[in-house]
């Protein structure tokens, strides 16, 4: 969300940051063109699903370390209405490396160059993981608290959301 103000003849612009996001409030929309299929993903069209939006990069060791847990959690819960979108922060020129990593996983993957996520603020650390419930409400702001996710943290936060 971007706000622009005119004060005393000067134009000021303020860009929302992830720290401005409120848990329990509607999540900003995220849109992406999926890496494997080229299909469109739009968070606002995922009502009824619990959605994990994860930001990662091929060169990010903690990112790569948490991906097997995300895959295991996805395999266990996708039939319950879980969706995972992993947005690679790699440059478009590194698409071959992204594809090589993404090939190991069955959840959705997109490149940052093919995605729009401005409402989540500037992604300044990785990994960063946001969780949105079945009603489109933000349940985890990935830029606050622990950066990485584990099978245990996913179970603790997301399993109750899937049960609702």
Foldseek 3Di string as FASTA:
>chain_A
DKDWDQDPNDIDIDADELVPADFQAFADWKWFQWDPPRDIDILVVLQQAKEKEKEEELPDPLQLVQVVLVQVLCVVCVVLRYAYEYEYADDPVCSVSVCVSCVVHDGTYGYPVGMDRSRNHDDDDPTFMWIAANRNGTHDNRVPDDNGDGNVNCCVRPVVSSVD
